[in-house]
Amino acid sequence: MRHRTQAELRNSDEDLQKCIETSHTTCRSYPGGVLAAAHIKAQYAVAYADAFSVSLAQELGATVVTADPEFKRVASLVDILWL
């Protein structure tokens, strides 16, 4: 395992905070995501949070980054970067 420097950790924390802020803003302005996520959950038998991630990624044209094997079920719907 590679140890990170304080500067790298600080940058990672800042990047994570930006992601959280962006996600929060996007979720509030994405009310249709609830219904889209419900459809994905029903069709692919994934967790609701995972379904919401997929529907939001579809809307934004984004790639889902995950190590969760449950996303194999929805790999045909979005690009996935496997960790």
PDB file of N, CA and C in Angstrom:
ATOM      1  N   MET A   1       0.837  -1.178   0.000  1.00  0.00           N
ATOM      2  CA  MET A   1       0.000   0.000   0.000  1.00  0.00           C
ATOM      3  C   MET A   1       0.885   1.246   0.000  1.00  0.00           C
ATOM      4  N   ARG A   2       0.564   2.179  -0.854  1.00  0.00           N
ATOM      5  CA  ARG A   2       1.335   3.410  -0.976  1.00  0.00           C
ATOM      6  C   ARG A   2       0.867   4.416   0.070  1.00  0.00           C
ATOM      7  N   HIS A   3       1.795   4.999   0.777  1.00  0.00           N
ATOM      8  CA  HIS A   3       1.454   6.040   1.746  1.00  0.00           C
ATOM      9  C   HIS A   3       1.423   7.378   1.037  1.00  0.00           C
ATOM     10  N   ARG A   4       0.463   8.187   1.370  1.00  0.00           N
ATOM     11  CA  ARG A   4       0.300   9.481   0.717  1.00  0.00           C
ATOM     12  C   ARG A   4       0.867  10.598   1.580  1.00  0.00           C
ATOM     13  N   THR A   5       1.331  11.621   0.916  1.00  0.00           N
ATOM     14  CA  THR A   5       1.854  12.785   1.634  1.00  0.00           C
ATOM     15  C   THR A   5       0.692  13.612   2.164  1.00  0.00           C
ATOM     16  N   GLN A   6       0.987  14.497   3.082  1.00  0.00           N
ATOM     17  CA  GLN A   6      -0.052  15.378   3.623  1.00  0.00           C
ATOM     18  C   GLN A   6      -0.690  16.216   2.512  1.00  0.00           C
ATOM     19  N   ALA A   7       0.124  16.690   1.584  1.00  0.00           N
ATOM     20  CA  ALA A   7      -0.407  17.502   0.479  1.00  0.00           C
ATOM     21  C   ALA A   7      -1.367  16.682  -0.390  1.00  0.00           C
ATOM     22  N   GLU A   8      -1.010  15.423  -0.664  1.00  0.00           N
ATOM     23  CA  GLU A   8      -1.887  14.558  -1.458  1.00  0.00           C
ATOM     24  C   GLU A   8      -3.202  14.302  -0.729  1.00  0.00           C
ATOM     25  N   LEU A   9      -3.115  14.071   0.567  1.00  0.00           N
ATOM     26  CA  LEU A   9      -4.330  13.848   1.351  1.00  0.00           C
ATOM     27  C   LEU A   9      -5.205  15.089   1.373  1.00  0.00           C
ATOM     28  N   ARG A  10      -4.583  16.244   1.522  1.00  0.00           N
ATOM     29  CA  ARG A  10      -5.332  17.499   1.545  1.00  0.00           C
ATOM     30  C   ARG A  10      -6.028  17.713   0.193  1.00  0.00           C
ATOM     31  N   ASN A  11      -5.312  17.450  -0.901  1.00  0.00           N
ATOM     32  CA  ASN A  11      -5.914  17.578  -2.233  1.00  0.00           C
ATOM     33  C   ASN A  11      -7.063  16.595  -2.414  1.00  0.00           C
ATOM     34  N   SER A  12      -6.901  15.376  -1.927  1.00  0.00           N
ATOM     35  CA  SER A  12      -7.967  14.379  -2.013  1.00  0.00           C
ATOM     36  C   SER A  12      -9.188  14.831  -1.238  1.00  0.00           C
ATOM     37  N   ASP A  13      -8.967  15.375  -0.047  1.00  0.00           N
ATOM     38  CA  ASP A  13     -10.077  15.881   0.761  1.00  0.00           C
ATOM     39  C   ASP A  13     -10.807  17.007   0.044  1.00  0.00           C
ATOM     40  N   GLU A  14     -10.047  17.908  -0.576  1.00  0.00           N
ATOM     41  CA  GLU A  14     -10.659  19.021  -1.308  1.00  0.00           C
ATOM     42  C   GLU A  14     -11.456  18.507  -2.506  1.00  0.00           C
ATOM     43  N   ASP A  15     -10.912  17.539  -3.220  1.00  0.00           N
ATOM     44  CA  ASP A  15     -11.617  16.958  -4.364  1.00  0.00           C
ATOM     45  C   ASP A  15     -12.900  16.268  -3.921  1.00  0.00           C
ATOM     46  N   LEU A  16     -12.826  15.530  -2.822  1.00  0.00           N
ATOM     47  CA  LEU A  16     -14.002  14.850  -2.300  1.00  0.00           C
ATOM     48  C   LEU A  16     -15.069  15.855  -1.893  1.00  0.00           C
ATOM     49  N   GLN A  17     -14.674  16.931  -1.237  1.00  0.00           N
ATOM     50  CA  GLN A  17     -15.631  17.958  -0.828  1.00  0.00           C
ATOM     51  C   GLN A  17     -16.316  18.572  -2.050  1.00  0.00           C
ATOM     52  N   LYS A  18     -15.571  18.811  -3.120  1.00  0.00           N
ATOM     53  CA  LYS A  18     -16.162  19.349  -4.350  1.00  0.00           C
ATOM     54  C   LYS A  18     -17.188  18.376  -4.922  1.00  0.00           C
ATOM     55  N   CYS A  19     -16.865  17.087  -4.887  1.00  0.00           N
ATOM     56  CA  CYS A  19     -17.803  16.074  -5.380  1.00  0.00           C
ATOM     57  C   CYS A  19     -19.081  16.068  -4.556  1.00  0.00           C
ATOM     58  N   ILE A  20     -18.934  16.153  -3.252  1.00  0.00           N
ATOM     59  CA  ILE A  20     -20.102  16.158  -2.371  1.00  0.00           C
ATOM     60  C   ILE A  20     -20.963  17.378  -2.648  1.00  0.00           C
ATOM     61  N   GLU A  21     -20.341  18.546  -2.761  1.00  0.00           N
ATOM     62  CA  GLU A  21     -21.091  19.771  -3.034  1.00  0.00           C
ATOM     63  C   GLU A  21     -21.795  19.693  -4.383  1.00  0.00           C
ATOM     64  N   THR A  22     -21.106  19.193  -5.389  1.00  0.00           N
ATOM     65  CA  THR A  22     -21.695  19.067  -6.718  1.00  0.00           C
ATOM     66  C   THR A  22     -22.841  18.072  -6.694  1.00  0.00           C
ATOM     67  N   SER A  23     -22.652  16.943  -6.027  1.00  0.00           N
ATOM     68  CA  SER A  23     -23.698  15.925  -5.947  1.00  0.00           C
ATOM     69  C   SER A  23     -24.926  16.466  -5.249  1.00  0.00           C
ATOM     70  N   HIS A  24     -24.730  17.181  -4.159  1.00  0.00           N
ATOM     71  CA  HIS A  24     -25.859  17.724  -3.405  1.00  0.00           C
ATOM     72  C   HIS A  24     -26.646  18.703  -4.264  1.00  0.00           C
ATOM     73  N   THR A  25     -25.961  19.592  -4.948  1.00  0.00           N
ATOM     74  CA  THR A  25     -26.627  20.562  -5.814  1.00  0.00           C
ATOM     75  C   THR A  25     -27.356  19.862  -6.946  1.00  0.00           C
ATOM     76  N   THR A  26     -26.718  18.889  -7.558  1.00  0.00           N
ATOM     77  CA  THR A  26     -27.320  18.167  -8.672  1.00  0.00           C
ATOM     78  C   THR A  26     -28.553  17.402  -8.221  1.00  0.00           C
ATOM     79  N   CYS A  27     -28.493  16.753  -7.077  1.00  0.00           N
ATOM     80  CA  CYS A  27     -29.625  15.962  -6.586  1.00  0.00           C
ATOM     81  C   CYS A  27     -30.839  16.841  -6.310  1.00  0.00           C
ATOM     82  N   ARG A  28     -30.609  18.010  -5.741  1.00  0.00           N
ATOM     83  CA  ARG A  28     -31.731  18.907  -5.465  1.00  0.00           C
ATOM     84  C   ARG A  28     -32.386  19.395  -6.745  1.00  0.00           C
ATOM     85  N   SER A  29     -31.610  19.541  -7.801  1.00  0.00           N
ATOM     86  CA  SER A  29     -32.150  20.062  -9.052  1.00  0.00           C
ATOM     87  C   SER A  29     -32.533  18.941 -10.022  1.00  0.00           C
ATOM     88  N   TYR A  30     -32.627  17.737  -9.537  1.00  0.00           N
ATOM     89  CA  TYR A  30     -32.888  16.578 -10.387  1.00  0.00           C
ATOM     90  C   TYR A  30     -34.062  15.758  -9.848  1.00  0.00           C
ATOM     91  N   PRO A  31     -35.246  16.381  -9.745  1.00  0.00           N
ATOM     92  CA  PRO A  31     -36.385  15.652  -9.173  1.00  0.00           C
ATOM     93  C   PRO A  31     -36.836  14.471 -10.015  1.00  0.00           C
ATOM     94  N   GLY A  32     -36.618  14.505 -11.330  1.00  0.00           N
ATOM     95  CA  GLY A  32     -36.986  13.377 -12.183  1.00  0.00           C
ATOM     96  C   GLY A  32     -36.156  12.146 -11.907  1.00  0.00           C
ATOM     97  N   GLY A  33     -35.053  12.333 -11.210  1.00  0.00           N
ATOM     98  CA  GLY A  33     -34.173  11.220 -10.891  1.00  0.00           C
ATOM     99  C   GLY A  33     -34.815  10.185  -9.997  1.00  0.00           C
ATOM    100  N   VAL A  34     -35.750  10.616  -9.188  1.00  0.00           N
ATOM    101  CA  VAL A  34     -36.429   9.687  -8.281  1.00  0.00           C
ATOM    102  C   VAL A  34     -37.183   8.639  -9.086  1.00  0.00           C
ATOM    103  N   LEU A  35     -37.935   9.075 -10.065  1.00  0.00           N
ATOM    104  CA  LEU A  35     -38.702   8.147 -10.894  1.00  0.00           C
ATOM    105  C   LEU A  35     -37.784   7.292 -11.770  1.00  0.00           C
ATOM    106  N   ALA A  36     -36.767   7.914 -12.351  1.00  0.00           N
ATOM    107  CA  ALA A  36     -35.819   7.160 -13.180  1.00  0.00           C
ATOM    108  C   ALA A  36     -35.120   6.084 -12.354  1.00  0.00           C
ATOM    109  N   ALA A  37     -34.713   6.434 -11.142  1.00  0.00           N
ATOM    110  CA  ALA A  37     -34.051   5.468 -10.265  1.00  0.00           C
ATOM    111  C   ALA A  37     -34.996   4.337  -9.885  1.00  0.00           C
ATOM    112  N   ALA A  38     -36.254   4.666  -9.660  1.00  0.00           N
ATOM    113  CA  ALA A  38     -37.235   3.633  -9.313  1.00  0.00           C
ATOM    114  C   ALA A  38     -37.384   2.627 -10.453  1.00  0.00           C
ATOM    115  N   HIS A  39     -37.392   3.118 -11.689  1.00  0.00           N
ATOM    116  CA  HIS A  39     -37.490   2.216 -12.846  1.00  0.00           C
ATOM    117  C   HIS A  39     -36.256   1.315 -12.953  1.00  0.00           C
ATOM    118  N   ILE A  40     -35.082   1.898 -12.748  1.00  0.00           N
ATOM    119  CA  ILE A  40     -33.851   1.100 -12.811  1.00  0.00           C
ATOM    120  C   ILE A  40     -33.840   0.057 -11.706  1.00  0.00           C
ATOM    121  N   LYS A  41     -34.235   0.451 -10.507  1.00  0.00           N
ATOM    122  CA  LYS A  41     -34.274  -0.486  -9.377  1.00  0.00           C
ATOM    123  C   LYS A  41     -35.216  -1.650  -9.682  1.00  0.00           C
ATOM    124  N   ALA A  42     -36.369  -1.334 -10.237  1.00  0.00           N
ATOM    125  CA  ALA A  42     -37.353  -2.372 -10.536  1.00  0.00           C
ATOM    126  C   ALA A  42     -36.874  -3.319 -11.640  1.00  0.00           C
ATOM    127  N   GLN A  43     -36.215  -2.788 -12.655  1.00  0.00           N
ATOM    128  CA  GLN A  43     -35.793  -3.609 -13.789  1.00  0.00           C
ATOM    129  C   GLN A  43     -34.530  -4.415 -13.531  1.00  0.00           C
ATOM    130  N   TYR A  44     -33.623  -3.883 -12.717  1.00  0.00           N
ATOM    131  CA  TYR A  44     -32.306  -4.510 -12.577  1.00  0.00           C
ATOM    132  C   TYR A  44     -32.006  -5.034 -11.174  1.00  0.00           C
ATOM    133  N   ALA A  45     -32.942  -4.908 -10.257  1.00  0.00           N
ATOM    134  CA  ALA A  45     -32.793  -5.433  -8.892  1.00  0.00           C
ATOM    135  C   ALA A  45     -31.496  -4.971  -8.232  1.00  0.00           C
ATOM    136  N   VAL A  46     -31.281  -3.659  -8.230  1.00  0.00           N
ATOM    137  CA  VAL A  46     -30.129  -3.067  -7.546  1.00  0.00           C
ATOM    138  C   VAL A  46     -30.638  -2.190  -6.407  1.00  0.00           C
ATOM    139  N   ALA A  47     -29.749  -1.834  -5.521  1.00  0.00           N
ATOM    140  CA  ALA A  47     -30.113  -0.955  -4.411  1.00  0.00           C
ATOM    141  C   ALA A  47     -30.583   0.391  -4.960  1.00  0.00           C
ATOM    142  N   TYR A  48     -31.474   1.043  -4.219  1.00  0.00           N
ATOM    143  CA  TYR A  48     -32.019   2.321  -4.674  1.00  0.00           C
ATOM    144  C   TYR A  48     -30.915   3.359  -4.869  1.00  0.00           C
ATOM    145  N   ALA A  49     -29.977   3.436  -3.949  1.00  0.00           N
ATOM    146  CA  ALA A  49     -28.882   4.409  -4.083  1.00  0.00           C
ATOM    147  C   ALA A  49     -28.062   4.121  -5.340  1.00  0.00           C
ATOM    148  N   ASP A  50     -27.848   2.854  -5.645  1.00  0.00           N
ATOM    149  CA  ASP A  50     -27.121   2.484  -6.859  1.00  0.00           C
ATOM    150  C   ASP A  50     -27.930   2.871  -8.097  1.00  0.00           C
ATOM    151  N   ALA A  51     -29.225   2.633  -8.044  1.00  0.00           N
ATOM    152  CA  ALA A  51     -30.096   2.993  -9.163  1.00  0.00           C
ATOM    153  C   ALA A  51     -30.095   4.503  -9.387  1.00  0.00           C
ATOM    154  N   PHE A  52     -30.087   5.264  -8.305  1.00  0.00           N
ATOM    155  CA  PHE A  52     -30.046   6.718  -8.422  1.00  0.00           C
ATOM    156  C   PHE A  52     -28.720   7.150  -9.039  1.00  0.00           C
ATOM    157  N   SER A  53     -27.634   6.524  -8.642  1.00  0.00           N
ATOM    158  CA  SER A  53     -26.325   6.836  -9.226  1.00  0.00           C
ATOM    159  C   SER A  53     -26.327   6.581 -10.730  1.00  0.00           C
ATOM    160  N   VAL A  54     -26.933   5.492 -11.137  1.00  0.00           N
ATOM    161  CA  VAL A  54     -26.997   5.150 -12.556  1.00  0.00           C
ATOM    162  C   VAL A  54     -27.855   6.159 -13.316  1.00  0.00           C
ATOM    163  N   SER A  55     -29.019   6.499 -12.777  1.00  0.00           N
ATOM    164  CA  SER A  55     -29.892   7.439 -13.483  1.00  0.00           C
ATOM    165  C   SER A  55     -29.245   8.812 -13.597  1.00  0.00           C
ATOM    166  N   LEU A  56     -28.549   9.237 -12.560  1.00  0.00           N
ATOM    167  CA  LEU A  56     -27.862  10.524 -12.606  1.00  0.00           C
ATOM    168  C   LEU A  56     -26.695  10.479 -13.591  1.00  0.00           C
ATOM    169  N   ALA A  57     -25.968   9.379 -13.620  1.00  0.00           N
ATOM    170  CA  ALA A  57     -24.871   9.230 -14.580  1.00  0.00           C
ATOM    171  C   ALA A  57     -25.403   9.262 -16.014  1.00  0.00           C
ATOM    172  N   GLN A  58     -26.553   8.649 -16.241  1.00  0.00           N
ATOM    173  CA  GLN A  58     -27.163   8.691 -17.568  1.00  0.00           C
ATOM    174  C   GLN A  58     -27.508  10.130 -17.947  1.00  0.00           C
ATOM    175  N   GLU A  59     -28.108  10.837 -17.036  1.00  0.00           N
ATOM    176  CA  GLU A  59     -28.524  12.222 -17.294  1.00  0.00           C
ATOM    177  C   GLU A  59     -27.324  13.120 -17.589  1.00  0.00           C
ATOM    178  N   LEU A  60     -26.242  12.927 -16.859  1.00  0.00           N
ATOM    179  CA  LEU A  60     -25.068  13.788 -16.994  1.00  0.00           C
ATOM    180  C   LEU A  60     -24.057  13.278 -18.015  1.00  0.00           C
ATOM    181  N   GLY A  61     -24.278  12.066 -18.519  1.00  0.00           N
ATOM    182  CA  GLY A  61     -23.297  11.462 -19.416  1.00  0.00           C
ATOM    183  C   GLY A  61     -22.003  11.148 -18.683  1.00  0.00           C
ATOM    184  N   ALA A  62     -22.136  10.805 -17.410  1.00  0.00           N
ATOM    185  CA  ALA A  62     -20.976  10.573 -16.547  1.00  0.00           C
ATOM    186  C   ALA A  62     -20.649   9.084 -16.454  1.00  0.00           C
ATOM    187  N   THR A  63     -19.470   8.813 -15.956  1.00  0.00           N
ATOM    188  CA  THR A  63     -19.018   7.453 -15.698  1.00  0.00           C
ATOM    189  C   THR A  63     -19.186   7.156 -14.217  1.00  0.00           C
ATOM    190  N   VAL A  64     -19.714   5.992 -13.897  1.00  0.00           N
ATOM    191  CA  VAL A  64     -19.830   5.556 -12.511  1.00  0.00           C
ATOM    192  C   VAL A  64     -18.501   4.919 -12.111  1.00  0.00           C
ATOM    193  N   VAL A  65     -17.958   5.335 -10.984  1.00  0.00           N
ATOM    194  CA  VAL A  65     -16.704   4.778 -10.466  1.00  0.00           C
ATOM    195  C   VAL A  65     -17.051   3.946  -9.239  1.00  0.00           C
ATOM    196  N   THR A  66     -16.761   2.642  -9.296  1.00  0.00           N
ATOM    197  CA  THR A  66     -17.185   1.763  -8.210  1.00  0.00           C
ATOM    198  C   THR A  66     -16.377   0.468  -8.183  1.00  0.00           C
ATOM    199  N   ALA A  67     -16.434  -0.183  -7.045  1.00  0.00           N
ATOM    200  CA  ALA A  67     -15.904  -1.538  -6.908  1.00  0.00           C
ATOM    201  C   ALA A  67     -17.035  -2.493  -6.539  1.00  0.00           C
ATOM    202  N   ASP A  68     -18.257  -1.975  -6.495  1.00  0.00           N
ATOM    203  CA  ASP A  68     -19.425  -2.747  -6.092  1.00  0.00           C
ATOM    204  C   ASP A  68     -19.859  -3.680  -7.225  1.00  0.00           C
ATOM    205  N   PRO A  69     -19.790  -4.990  -7.006  1.00  0.00           N
ATOM    206  CA  PRO A  69     -20.153  -5.935  -8.066  1.00  0.00           C
ATOM    207  C   PRO A  69     -21.620  -5.850  -8.484  1.00  0.00           C
ATOM    208  N   GLU A  70     -22.466  -5.239  -7.661  1.00  0.00           N
ATOM    209  CA  GLU A  70     -23.877  -5.092  -8.016  1.00  0.00           C
ATOM    210  C   GLU A  70     -24.044  -4.278  -9.305  1.00  0.00           C
ATOM    211  N   PHE A  71     -23.089  -3.416  -9.599  1.00  0.00           N
ATOM    212  CA  PHE A  71     -23.182  -2.581 -10.797  1.00  0.00           C
ATOM    213  C   PHE A  71     -23.000  -3.381 -12.084  1.00  0.00           C
ATOM    214  N   LYS A  72     -22.554  -4.634 -11.989  1.00  0.00           N
ATOM    215  CA  LYS A  72     -22.457  -5.473 -13.187  1.00  0.00           C
ATOM    216  C   LYS A  72     -23.827  -5.617 -13.841  1.00  0.00           C
ATOM    217  N   ARG A  73     -24.872  -5.569 -13.023  1.00  0.00           N
ATOM    218  CA  ARG A  73     -26.240  -5.713 -13.536  1.00  0.00           C
ATOM    219  C   ARG A  73     -26.656  -4.549 -14.427  1.00  0.00           C
ATOM    220  N   VAL A  74     -26.050  -3.393 -14.219  1.00  0.00           N
ATOM    221  CA  VAL A  74     -26.439  -2.195 -14.972  1.00  0.00           C
ATOM    222  C   VAL A  74     -25.326  -1.710 -15.900  1.00  0.00           C
ATOM    223  N   ALA A  75     -24.341  -2.552 -16.140  1.00  0.00           N
ATOM    224  CA  ALA A  75     -23.188  -2.162 -16.963  1.00  0.00           C
ATOM    225  C   ALA A  75     -23.584  -1.812 -18.394  1.00  0.00           C
ATOM    226  N   SER A  76     -24.717  -2.295 -18.844  1.00  0.00           N
ATOM    227  CA  SER A  76     -25.171  -1.963 -20.201  1.00  0.00           C
ATOM    228  C   SER A  76     -25.793  -0.566 -20.273  1.00  0.00           C
ATOM    229  N   LEU A  77     -26.061   0.030 -19.118  1.00  0.00           N
ATOM    230  CA  LEU A  77     -26.739   1.330 -19.089  1.00  0.00           C
ATOM    231  C   LEU A  77     -25.795   2.520 -19.038  1.00  0.00           C
ATOM    232  N   VAL A  78     -24.644   2.350 -18.403  1.00  0.00           N
ATOM    233  CA  VAL A  78     -23.694   3.452 -18.214  1.00  0.00           C
ATOM    234  C   VAL A  78     -22.267   2.927 -18.321  1.00  0.00           C
ATOM    235  N   ASP A  79     -21.353   3.858 -18.553  1.00  0.00           N
ATOM    236  CA  ASP A  79     -19.938   3.493 -18.496  1.00  0.00           C
ATOM    237  C   ASP A  79     -19.552   3.327 -17.035  1.00  0.00           C
ATOM    238  N   ILE A  80     -18.754   2.307 -16.745  1.00  0.00           N
ATOM    239  CA  ILE A  80     -18.322   2.049 -15.374  1.00  0.00           C
ATOM    240  C   ILE A  80     -16.809   1.948 -15.347  1.00  0.00           C
ATOM    241  N   LEU A  81     -16.212   2.655 -14.419  1.00  0.00           N
ATOM    242  CA  LEU A  81     -14.779   2.549 -14.154  1.00  0.00           C
ATOM    243  C   LEU A  81     -14.646   1.687 -12.909  1.00  0.00           C
ATOM    244  N   TRP A  82     -14.133   0.480 -13.088  1.00  0.00           N
ATOM    245  CA  TRP A  82     -14.033  -0.478 -11.983  1.00  0.00           C
ATOM    246  C   TRP A  82     -12.774  -0.233 -11.169  1.00  0.00           C
ATOM    247  N   LEU A  83     -12.943  -0.171  -9.866  1.00  0.00           N
ATOM    248  CA  LEU A  83     -11.809  -0.021  -8.955  1.00  0.00           C
ATOM    249  C   LEU A  83     -11.331  -1.382  -8.504  1.00  0.00           C
TER     250      LEU A  83
END
